[in-house]
Amino acid sequence: MRRRLLAPLLLVAAALLPSAGPAVAAPAPEADVPAALWARPVDGGVTRPFDPPPDRYGAGHRGVDLAGAPGSAVLAAGDGVVVFAGMVAGRPVVSVDHAGGLRTTYEPVDAVVGAGQPVARGTVLGTLAAGHAGCPVEACLHWGLRRGEDYVDPLSLLEPPAVRLLPMY
């Protein structure tokens, strides 16, 4: 059995080895690396982490708080469509729907976008307002993420996907 598998594998390996033909320029490194789909909406560090509630209506922190400066730009974390830009419980909020049933929320943000507007990753949604409760610095952005009705840690968008190599049989 091993000998029957070894011969085709050797042929494939030989076909993949470089030939002595003319030299060809290698593709640019950026061509090999796909563009990131997600980015941080502000550069600041986490001041309060994601703390999901024990049940749908329980207490918890349904996002992360990121340090920022009042008036700094808040960027769309990914491509999508603005579905809300307005006040919620006295705070200015922007929500963006993304592919795959994802929705990101940003608060407090004085919006420069409106509902129905398509945005790309890095598009300015507005400016960070001061006054987020519990923020230990001048201003904090509360960044939330939902998949359907479930709250998810938005920092998970920034993690590289897990890659696992499997043996060939």
N, C-alpha and C. Protein backbone atom coordinates (compact mmCIF):
# COMPACT_ATOMS: atom_id res chain seq x y z
N MET A 1 0.83 -1.20 0.00
CA MET A 1 0.00 0.00 0.00
C MET A 1 0.87 1.25 0.00
N ARG A 2 1.93 1.26 0.84
CA ARG A 2 2.78 2.44 0.92
C ARG A 2 3.48 2.71 -0.40
N ARG A 3 3.92 1.67 -1.10
CA ARG A 3 4.62 1.86 -2.37
C ARG A 3 3.67 2.44 -3.42
N ARG A 4 2.40 2.04 -3.40
CA ARG A 4 1.45 2.57 -4.37
C ARG A 4 1.17 4.05 -4.12
N LEU A 5 1.25 4.49 -2.86
CA LEU A 5 1.06 5.89 -2.54
C LEU A 5 2.34 6.71 -2.76
N LEU A 6 3.48 6.09 -2.55
CA LEU A 6 4.75 6.80 -2.63
C LEU A 6 5.05 7.29 -4.04
N ALA A 7 4.80 6.48 -5.06
CA ALA A 7 5.13 6.87 -6.43
C ALA A 7 4.36 8.12 -6.87
N PRO A 8 3.03 8.20 -6.69
CA PRO A 8 2.32 9.43 -7.09
C PRO A 8 2.77 10.65 -6.28
N LEU A 9 3.08 10.46 -5.00
CA LEU A 9 3.54 11.58 -4.19
C LEU A 9 4.87 12.11 -4.69
N LEU A 10 5.77 11.22 -5.10
CA LEU A 10 7.06 11.65 -5.63
C LEU A 10 6.88 12.41 -6.94
N LEU A 11 5.94 11.98 -7.78
CA LEU A 11 5.69 12.69 -9.03
C LEU A 11 5.15 14.10 -8.78
N VAL A 12 4.26 14.22 -7.81
CA VAL A 12 3.71 15.53 -7.47
C VAL A 12 4.81 16.42 -6.91
N ALA A 13 5.64 15.88 -6.04
CA ALA A 13 6.73 16.67 -5.46
C ALA A 13 7.70 17.12 -6.55
N ALA A 14 8.02 16.26 -7.48
CA ALA A 14 8.94 16.63 -8.57
C ALA A 14 8.33 17.73 -9.43
N ALA A 15 7.03 17.68 -9.64
CA ALA A 15 6.38 18.70 -10.47
C ALA A 15 6.39 20.06 -9.77
N LEU A 16 6.42 20.05 -8.44
CA LEU A 16 6.40 21.30 -7.69
C LEU A 16 7.78 21.91 -7.51
N LEU A 17 8.84 21.15 -7.73
CA LEU A 17 10.19 21.68 -7.58
C LEU A 17 10.47 22.70 -8.68
N PRO A 18 11.27 23.74 -8.37
CA PRO A 18 11.56 24.74 -9.39
C PRO A 18 12.40 24.14 -10.51
N SER A 19 12.14 24.59 -11.73
CA SER A 19 12.88 24.09 -12.88
C SER A 19 14.09 24.99 -13.11
N ALA A 20 14.93 24.59 -14.04
CA ALA A 20 16.11 25.38 -14.36
C ALA A 20 15.80 26.40 -15.44
N GLY A 21 14.55 26.65 -15.72
CA GLY A 21 14.14 27.60 -16.76
C GLY A 21 14.44 29.03 -16.35
N PRO A 22 13.92 29.99 -17.11
CA PRO A 22 14.19 31.40 -16.83
C PRO A 22 13.63 31.81 -15.48
N ALA A 23 14.32 32.75 -14.85
CA ALA A 23 13.89 33.23 -13.54
C ALA A 23 12.63 34.08 -13.69
N VAL A 24 11.73 33.91 -12.74
CA VAL A 24 10.48 34.68 -12.73
C VAL A 24 10.42 35.42 -11.39
N ALA A 25 10.06 36.68 -11.42
CA ALA A 25 9.99 37.46 -10.19
C ALA A 25 8.90 36.89 -9.28
N ALA A 26 9.22 36.81 -8.01
CA ALA A 26 8.23 36.34 -7.02
C ALA A 26 7.17 37.42 -6.84
N PRO A 27 5.92 37.00 -6.54
CA PRO A 27 4.88 38.01 -6.31
C PRO A 27 5.22 38.85 -5.10
N ALA A 28 4.71 40.06 -5.08
CA ALA A 28 4.94 40.94 -3.94
C ALA A 28 4.39 40.29 -2.68
N PRO A 29 5.06 40.45 -1.53
CA PRO A 29 4.60 39.81 -0.30
C PRO A 29 3.16 40.14 0.04
N GLU A 30 2.72 41.38 -0.23
CA GLU A 30 1.35 41.72 0.13
C GLU A 30 0.32 40.96 -0.70
N ALA A 31 0.72 40.42 -1.86
CA ALA A 31 -0.21 39.64 -2.67
C ALA A 31 -0.52 38.30 -2.01
N ASP A 32 0.40 37.83 -1.16
CA ASP A 32 0.21 36.54 -0.50
C ASP A 32 -0.61 36.65 0.78
N VAL A 33 -0.73 37.83 1.32
CA VAL A 33 -1.40 38.04 2.60
C VAL A 33 -2.73 38.73 2.36
N PRO A 34 -3.87 38.07 2.71
CA PRO A 34 -5.16 38.72 2.50
C PRO A 34 -5.32 39.93 3.41
N ALA A 35 -6.04 40.93 2.93
CA ALA A 35 -6.28 42.12 3.74
C ALA A 35 -7.12 41.75 4.95
N ALA A 36 -6.87 42.40 6.06
CA ALA A 36 -7.64 42.15 7.28
C ALA A 36 -9.09 42.58 7.04
N LEU A 37 -10.00 41.81 7.59
CA LEU A 37 -11.42 42.14 7.44
C LEU A 37 -11.89 43.11 8.52
N TRP A 38 -11.20 43.13 9.66
CA TRP A 38 -11.64 43.91 10.80
C TRP A 38 -10.50 44.74 11.36
N ALA A 39 -10.84 45.86 11.96
CA ALA A 39 -9.85 46.73 12.60
C ALA A 39 -10.46 47.34 13.86
N ARG A 40 -9.60 47.76 14.77
CA ARG A 40 -10.07 48.43 15.99
C ARG A 40 -10.71 49.76 15.61
N PRO A 41 -11.81 50.11 16.26
CA PRO A 41 -12.46 51.39 15.96
C PRO A 41 -11.71 52.60 16.51
N VAL A 42 -10.93 52.42 17.58
CA VAL A 42 -10.04 53.44 18.13
C VAL A 42 -8.75 52.73 18.56
N ASP A 43 -7.69 53.49 18.74
CA ASP A 43 -6.39 52.87 19.04
C ASP A 43 -6.17 52.53 20.51
N GLY A 44 -6.95 53.06 21.41
CA GLY A 44 -6.71 52.90 22.84
C GLY A 44 -6.86 51.48 23.34
N GLY A 45 -6.27 51.25 24.50
CA GLY A 45 -6.32 49.94 25.14
C GLY A 45 -7.66 49.67 25.81
N VAL A 46 -7.85 48.44 26.22
CA VAL A 46 -9.09 48.02 26.87
C VAL A 46 -9.10 48.53 28.31
N THR A 47 -10.15 49.28 28.65
CA THR A 47 -10.30 49.74 30.03
C THR A 47 -11.30 48.88 30.80
N ARG A 48 -12.16 48.19 30.07
CA ARG A 48 -13.12 47.26 30.69
C ARG A 48 -13.40 46.15 29.68
N PRO A 49 -13.15 44.89 30.05
CA PRO A 49 -13.32 43.79 29.10
C PRO A 49 -14.77 43.34 28.96
N PHE A 50 -14.99 42.50 27.98
CA PHE A 50 -16.28 41.85 27.74
C PHE A 50 -16.58 40.94 28.92
N ASP A 51 -17.80 41.02 29.44
CA ASP A 51 -18.24 40.20 30.58
C ASP A 51 -19.68 39.80 30.31
N PRO A 52 -19.88 38.69 29.58
CA PRO A 52 -21.24 38.34 29.18
C PRO A 52 -22.12 38.02 30.39
N PRO A 53 -23.40 38.37 30.27
CA PRO A 53 -24.32 38.08 31.37
C PRO A 53 -24.58 36.57 31.45
N PRO A 54 -24.96 36.08 32.63
CA PRO A 54 -25.24 34.65 32.78
C PRO A 54 -26.47 34.20 32.00
N ASP A 55 -27.39 35.13 31.74
CA ASP A 55 -28.57 34.83 30.93
C ASP A 55 -28.91 36.06 30.11
N ARG A 56 -29.85 35.92 29.23
CA ARG A 56 -30.17 36.98 28.26
C ARG A 56 -30.47 38.35 28.89
N TYR A 57 -31.09 38.35 30.06
CA TYR A 57 -31.50 39.61 30.68
C TYR A 57 -30.68 39.94 31.93
N GLY A 58 -29.63 39.18 32.20
CA GLY A 58 -28.82 39.40 33.39
C GLY A 58 -27.85 40.56 33.23
N ALA A 59 -27.28 40.92 34.38
CA ALA A 59 -26.27 41.99 34.38
C ALA A 59 -24.97 41.48 33.77
N GLY A 60 -24.27 42.37 33.11
CA GLY A 60 -22.98 42.04 32.51
C GLY A 60 -22.50 43.21 31.69
N HIS A 61 -21.40 43.02 31.01
CA HIS A 61 -20.85 44.06 30.13
C HIS A 61 -20.81 43.48 28.74
N ARG A 62 -21.73 43.90 27.89
CA ARG A 62 -21.97 43.30 26.58
C ARG A 62 -21.10 43.92 25.48
N GLY A 63 -19.87 44.21 25.81
CA GLY A 63 -18.92 44.78 24.87
C GLY A 63 -17.62 45.04 25.57
N VAL A 64 -16.76 45.83 24.97
CA VAL A 64 -15.51 46.24 25.60
C VAL A 64 -15.45 47.77 25.58
N ASP A 65 -14.78 48.33 26.57
CA ASP A 65 -14.53 49.76 26.58
C ASP A 65 -13.08 49.99 26.18
N LEU A 66 -12.88 50.88 25.21
CA LEU A 66 -11.55 51.20 24.71
C LEU A 66 -11.24 52.66 25.02
N ALA A 67 -10.04 52.91 25.54
CA ALA A 67 -9.63 54.27 25.88
C ALA A 67 -9.50 55.12 24.62
N GLY A 68 -9.84 56.39 24.75
CA GLY A 68 -9.71 57.31 23.62
C GLY A 68 -9.64 58.74 24.12
N ALA A 69 -9.62 59.64 23.19
CA ALA A 69 -9.61 61.07 23.51
C ALA A 69 -10.90 61.69 22.96
N PRO A 70 -11.51 62.60 23.74
CA PRO A 70 -12.72 63.25 23.25
C PRO A 70 -12.46 63.93 21.91
N GLY A 71 -13.37 63.72 20.97
CA GLY A 71 -13.24 64.33 19.65
C GLY A 71 -12.43 63.52 18.65
N SER A 72 -11.84 62.41 19.09
CA SER A 72 -11.07 61.57 18.16
C SER A 72 -12.02 60.78 17.27
N ALA A 73 -11.52 60.40 16.09
CA ALA A 73 -12.34 59.67 15.12
C ALA A 73 -12.64 58.26 15.61
N VAL A 74 -13.87 57.83 15.39
CA VAL A 74 -14.28 56.44 15.64
C VAL A 74 -14.52 55.83 14.27
N LEU A 75 -13.84 54.71 14.00
CA LEU A 75 -13.87 54.09 12.68
C LEU A 75 -14.72 52.84 12.65
N ALA A 76 -15.32 52.55 11.51
CA ALA A 76 -16.06 51.31 11.32
C ALA A 76 -15.07 50.14 11.42
N ALA A 77 -15.41 49.15 12.21
CA ALA A 77 -14.52 48.00 12.40
C ALA A 77 -14.48 47.11 11.16
N GLY A 78 -15.52 47.13 10.35
CA GLY A 78 -15.58 46.31 9.15
C GLY A 78 -16.57 46.88 8.16
N ASP A 79 -16.60 46.30 6.97
CA ASP A 79 -17.54 46.72 5.93
C ASP A 79 -18.97 46.41 6.36
N GLY A 80 -19.89 47.31 6.05
CA GLY A 80 -21.28 47.07 6.39
C GLY A 80 -22.17 48.23 6.01
N VAL A 81 -23.33 48.28 6.65
CA VAL A 81 -24.31 49.33 6.42
C VAL A 81 -24.75 49.88 7.77
N VAL A 82 -24.74 51.20 7.90
CA VAL A 82 -25.21 51.84 9.13
C VAL A 82 -26.71 51.58 9.24
N VAL A 83 -27.14 51.01 10.37
CA VAL A 83 -28.57 50.76 10.56
C VAL A 83 -29.18 51.69 11.59
N PHE A 84 -28.31 52.37 12.37
CA PHE A 84 -28.83 53.32 13.36
C PHE A 84 -27.74 54.32 13.69
N ALA A 85 -28.13 55.57 13.79
CA ALA A 85 -27.25 56.64 14.27
C ALA A 85 -28.15 57.63 14.98
N GLY A 86 -28.12 57.61 16.31
CA GLY A 86 -29.00 58.48 17.07
C GLY A 86 -28.82 58.27 18.55
N MET A 87 -29.78 58.76 19.31
CA MET A 87 -29.71 58.70 20.77
C MET A 87 -30.42 57.47 21.31
N VAL A 88 -29.78 56.83 22.29
CA VAL A 88 -30.37 55.71 23.03
C VAL A 88 -30.10 55.99 24.51
N ALA A 89 -31.15 56.13 25.28
CA ALA A 89 -31.05 56.40 26.71
C ALA A 89 -30.14 57.59 26.99
N GLY A 90 -30.25 58.64 26.15
CA GLY A 90 -29.48 59.85 26.35
C GLY A 90 -28.04 59.80 25.88
N ARG A 91 -27.64 58.71 25.19
CA ARG A 91 -26.27 58.57 24.69
C ARG A 91 -26.29 58.43 23.17
N PRO A 92 -25.33 59.07 22.47
CA PRO A 92 -25.28 58.93 21.01
C PRO A 92 -24.64 57.59 20.61
N VAL A 93 -25.37 56.85 19.76
CA VAL A 93 -24.97 55.49 19.39
C VAL A 93 -24.99 55.34 17.87
N VAL A 94 -24.05 54.54 17.35
CA VAL A 94 -24.04 54.15 15.94
C VAL A 94 -24.00 52.63 15.91
N SER A 95 -24.84 52.03 15.05
CA SER A 95 -24.85 50.57 14.85
C SER A 95 -24.66 50.27 13.37
N VAL A 96 -23.84 49.26 13.10
CA VAL A 96 -23.53 48.86 11.72
C VAL A 96 -23.79 47.37 11.57
N ASP A 97 -24.56 47.01 10.54
CA ASP A 97 -24.77 45.60 10.20
C ASP A 97 -23.70 45.14 9.23
N HIS A 98 -23.18 43.94 9.46
CA HIS A 98 -22.14 43.34 8.63
C HIS A 98 -22.62 42.00 8.11
N ALA A 99 -21.90 41.45 7.17
CA ALA A 99 -22.23 40.13 6.61
C ALA A 99 -22.20 39.08 7.73
N GLY A 100 -22.93 38.02 7.52
CA GLY A 100 -22.92 36.90 8.47
C GLY A 100 -23.75 37.14 9.71
N GLY A 101 -24.66 38.10 9.66
CA GLY A 101 -25.54 38.34 10.81
C GLY A 101 -24.86 39.06 11.95
N LEU A 102 -23.76 39.77 11.69
CA LEU A 102 -23.04 40.50 12.73
C LEU A 102 -23.51 41.96 12.78
N ARG A 103 -23.54 42.51 13.99
CA ARG A 103 -23.84 43.93 14.18
C ARG A 103 -22.87 44.48 15.21
N THR A 104 -22.18 45.58 14.85
CA THR A 104 -21.31 46.26 15.80
C THR A 104 -21.99 47.54 16.25
N THR A 105 -21.76 47.92 17.52
CA THR A 105 -22.30 49.15 18.06
C THR A 105 -21.16 49.97 18.67
N TYR A 106 -21.32 51.27 18.62
CA TYR A 106 -20.29 52.20 19.07
C TYR A 106 -20.97 53.31 19.86
N GLU A 107 -20.51 53.56 21.11
CA GLU A 107 -21.08 54.64 21.91
C GLU A 107 -20.08 55.14 22.93
N PRO A 108 -20.08 56.37 23.31
CA PRO A 108 -20.84 57.49 22.78
C PRO A 108 -20.12 58.09 21.57
N VAL A 109 -20.83 58.17 20.46
CA VAL A 109 -20.25 58.66 19.20
C VAL A 109 -21.18 59.71 18.60
N ASP A 110 -20.63 60.90 18.39
CA ASP A 110 -21.35 61.94 17.68
C ASP A 110 -21.22 61.61 16.19
N ALA A 111 -22.28 61.07 15.61
CA ALA A 111 -22.25 60.49 14.27
C ALA A 111 -22.09 61.52 13.16
N VAL A 112 -21.35 61.10 12.14
CA VAL A 112 -21.28 61.85 10.88
C VAL A 112 -21.85 61.00 9.75
N VAL A 113 -22.43 59.85 10.11
CA VAL A 113 -23.06 58.94 9.15
C VAL A 113 -24.54 58.84 9.50
N GLY A 114 -25.31 58.30 8.57
CA GLY A 114 -26.74 58.12 8.80
C GLY A 114 -27.19 56.72 8.44
N ALA A 115 -28.34 56.33 8.94
CA ALA A 115 -28.90 55.02 8.64
C ALA A 115 -29.03 54.82 7.14
N GLY A 116 -28.68 53.62 6.70
CA GLY A 116 -28.74 53.26 5.29
C GLY A 116 -27.44 53.50 4.54
N GLN A 117 -26.49 54.16 5.17
CA GLN A 117 -25.23 54.49 4.50
C GLN A 117 -24.27 53.30 4.55
N PRO A 118 -23.78 52.85 3.39
CA PRO A 118 -22.76 51.79 3.39
C PRO A 118 -21.43 52.37 3.88
N VAL A 119 -20.69 51.56 4.64
CA VAL A 119 -19.38 51.96 5.14
C VAL A 119 -18.38 50.84 4.89
N ALA A 120 -17.14 51.21 4.72
CA ALA A 120 -16.05 50.26 4.59
C ALA A 120 -15.25 50.26 5.88
N ARG A 121 -14.49 49.21 6.09
CA ARG A 121 -13.60 49.16 7.26
C ARG A 121 -12.75 50.42 7.25
N GLY A 122 -12.71 51.13 8.38
CA GLY A 122 -11.91 52.34 8.49
C GLY A 122 -12.65 53.63 8.18
N THR A 123 -13.91 53.54 7.73
CA THR A 123 -14.71 54.75 7.49
C THR A 123 -14.98 55.45 8.82
N VAL A 124 -14.85 56.76 8.84
CA VAL A 124 -15.15 57.52 10.06
C VAL A 124 -16.66 57.50 10.28
N LEU A 125 -17.06 57.00 11.45
CA LEU A 125 -18.48 56.97 11.82
C LEU A 125 -18.87 58.24 12.56
N GLY A 126 -17.91 58.84 13.23
CA GLY A 126 -18.16 60.04 14.01
C GLY A 126 -17.00 60.31 14.94
N THR A 127 -17.26 61.12 15.96
CA THR A 127 -16.21 61.44 16.93
C THR A 127 -16.61 60.95 18.31
N LEU A 128 -15.60 60.58 19.08
CA LEU A 128 -15.82 60.05 20.42
C LEU A 128 -16.22 61.18 21.36
N ALA A 129 -17.32 60.98 22.06
CA ALA A 129 -17.78 61.95 23.04
C ALA A 129 -17.30 61.53 24.43
N ALA A 130 -17.09 62.48 25.30
CA ALA A 130 -16.72 62.18 26.68
C ALA A 130 -17.97 61.77 27.45
N GLY A 131 -17.76 61.22 28.63
CA GLY A 131 -18.89 60.96 29.51
C GLY A 131 -19.38 59.54 29.59
N HIS A 132 -18.61 58.57 29.12
CA HIS A 132 -19.04 57.17 29.25
C HIS A 132 -18.89 56.75 30.71
N ALA A 133 -19.96 56.29 31.32
CA ALA A 133 -19.96 55.92 32.73
C ALA A 133 -18.92 54.85 33.02
N GLY A 134 -18.16 55.05 34.10
CA GLY A 134 -17.17 54.07 34.52
C GLY A 134 -15.85 54.15 33.79
N CYS A 135 -15.71 55.10 32.91
CA CYS A 135 -14.47 55.24 32.14
C CYS A 135 -13.38 55.86 33.01
N PRO A 136 -12.21 55.21 33.13
CA PRO A 136 -11.15 55.74 33.99
C PRO A 136 -10.26 56.80 33.33
N VAL A 137 -10.49 57.09 32.05
CA VAL A 137 -9.71 58.10 31.33
C VAL A 137 -10.66 59.17 30.79
N GLU A 138 -10.13 60.12 30.00
CA GLU A 138 -10.95 61.21 29.48
C GLU A 138 -12.19 60.75 28.74
N ALA A 139 -12.02 59.72 27.91
CA ALA A 139 -13.15 59.22 27.12
C ALA A 139 -12.93 57.74 26.82
N CYS A 140 -14.01 57.00 26.75
CA CYS A 140 -13.96 55.58 26.40
C CYS A 140 -15.03 55.29 25.35
N LEU A 141 -14.66 54.44 24.41
CA LEU A 141 -15.63 53.96 23.43
C LEU A 141 -16.13 52.60 23.90
N HIS A 142 -17.44 52.47 24.03
CA HIS A 142 -18.03 51.15 24.27
C HIS A 142 -18.28 50.54 22.89
N TRP A 143 -17.61 49.41 22.62
CA TRP A 143 -17.70 48.72 21.33
C TRP A 143 -18.37 47.38 21.58
N GLY A 144 -19.53 47.18 20.97
CA GLY A 144 -20.28 45.94 21.15
C GLY A 144 -20.38 45.15 19.86
N LEU A 145 -20.66 43.86 20.00
CA LEU A 145 -20.84 42.97 18.85
C LEU A 145 -21.92 41.96 19.17
N ARG A 146 -22.83 41.80 18.21
CA ARG A 146 -23.85 40.74 18.31
C ARG A 146 -23.79 39.89 17.06
N ARG A 147 -24.00 38.61 17.26
CA ARG A 147 -24.23 37.67 16.16
C ARG A 147 -25.66 37.21 16.35
N GLY A 148 -26.55 37.73 15.50
CA GLY A 148 -27.98 37.48 15.72
C GLY A 148 -28.39 38.17 17.01
N GLU A 149 -28.93 37.41 17.96
CA GLU A 149 -29.34 37.98 19.25
C GLU A 149 -28.29 37.77 20.34
N ASP A 150 -27.20 37.08 20.03
CA ASP A 150 -26.19 36.77 21.03
C ASP A 150 -25.07 37.80 21.04
N TYR A 151 -24.70 38.27 22.23
CA TYR A 151 -23.57 39.18 22.37
C TYR A 151 -22.28 38.38 22.35
N VAL A 152 -21.29 38.92 21.66
CA VAL A 152 -20.00 38.26 21.47
C VAL A 152 -18.91 39.28 21.79
N ASP A 153 -17.76 38.82 22.24
CA ASP A 153 -16.64 39.70 22.51
C ASP A 153 -16.15 40.31 21.19
N PRO A 154 -16.23 41.64 21.02
CA PRO A 154 -15.81 42.23 19.76
C PRO A 154 -14.31 42.07 19.48
N LEU A 155 -13.51 41.89 20.51
CA LEU A 155 -12.08 41.68 20.29
C LEU A 155 -11.81 40.38 19.55
N SER A 156 -12.79 39.46 19.56
CA SER A 156 -12.62 38.20 18.83
C SER A 156 -12.54 38.43 17.32
N LEU A 157 -13.08 39.56 16.85
CA LEU A 157 -12.98 39.89 15.42
C LEU A 157 -11.53 40.14 15.00
N LEU A 158 -10.71 40.57 15.94
CA LEU A 158 -9.34 40.96 15.64
C LEU A 158 -8.35 39.81 15.73
N GLU A 159 -8.80 38.66 16.24
CA GLU A 159 -7.92 37.51 16.39
C GLU A 159 -7.78 36.79 15.05
N PRO A 160 -6.55 36.35 14.73
CA PRO A 160 -6.39 35.60 13.48
C PRO A 160 -7.14 34.27 13.58
N PRO A 161 -7.63 33.76 12.46
CA PRO A 161 -8.36 32.49 12.51
C PRO A 161 -7.41 31.35 12.88
N ALA A 162 -7.95 30.37 13.56
CA ALA A 162 -7.16 29.19 13.92
C ALA A 162 -6.96 28.32 12.68
N VAL A 163 -5.73 27.93 12.44
CA VAL A 163 -5.41 27.08 11.30
C VAL A 163 -4.88 25.76 11.84
N ARG A 164 -5.44 24.68 11.35
CA ARG A 164 -5.02 23.37 11.81
C ARG A 164 -4.71 22.51 10.59
N LEU A 165 -3.51 21.96 10.55
CA LEU A 165 -3.13 21.08 9.44
C LEU A 165 -3.56 19.66 9.77
N LEU A 166 -4.14 19.00 8.79
CA LEU A 166 -4.59 17.63 8.97
C LEU A 166 -3.74 16.71 8.12
N PRO A 167 -3.52 15.49 8.59
CA PRO A 167 -2.73 14.56 7.78
C PRO A 167 -3.47 14.14 6.52
N MET A 168 -2.71 13.85 5.47
CA MET A 168 -3.31 13.35 4.22
C MET A 168 -3.30 11.83 4.27
N TYR A 169 -4.38 11.23 3.89
CA TYR A 169 -4.47 9.77 3.87
C TYR A 169 -4.71 9.28 2.47
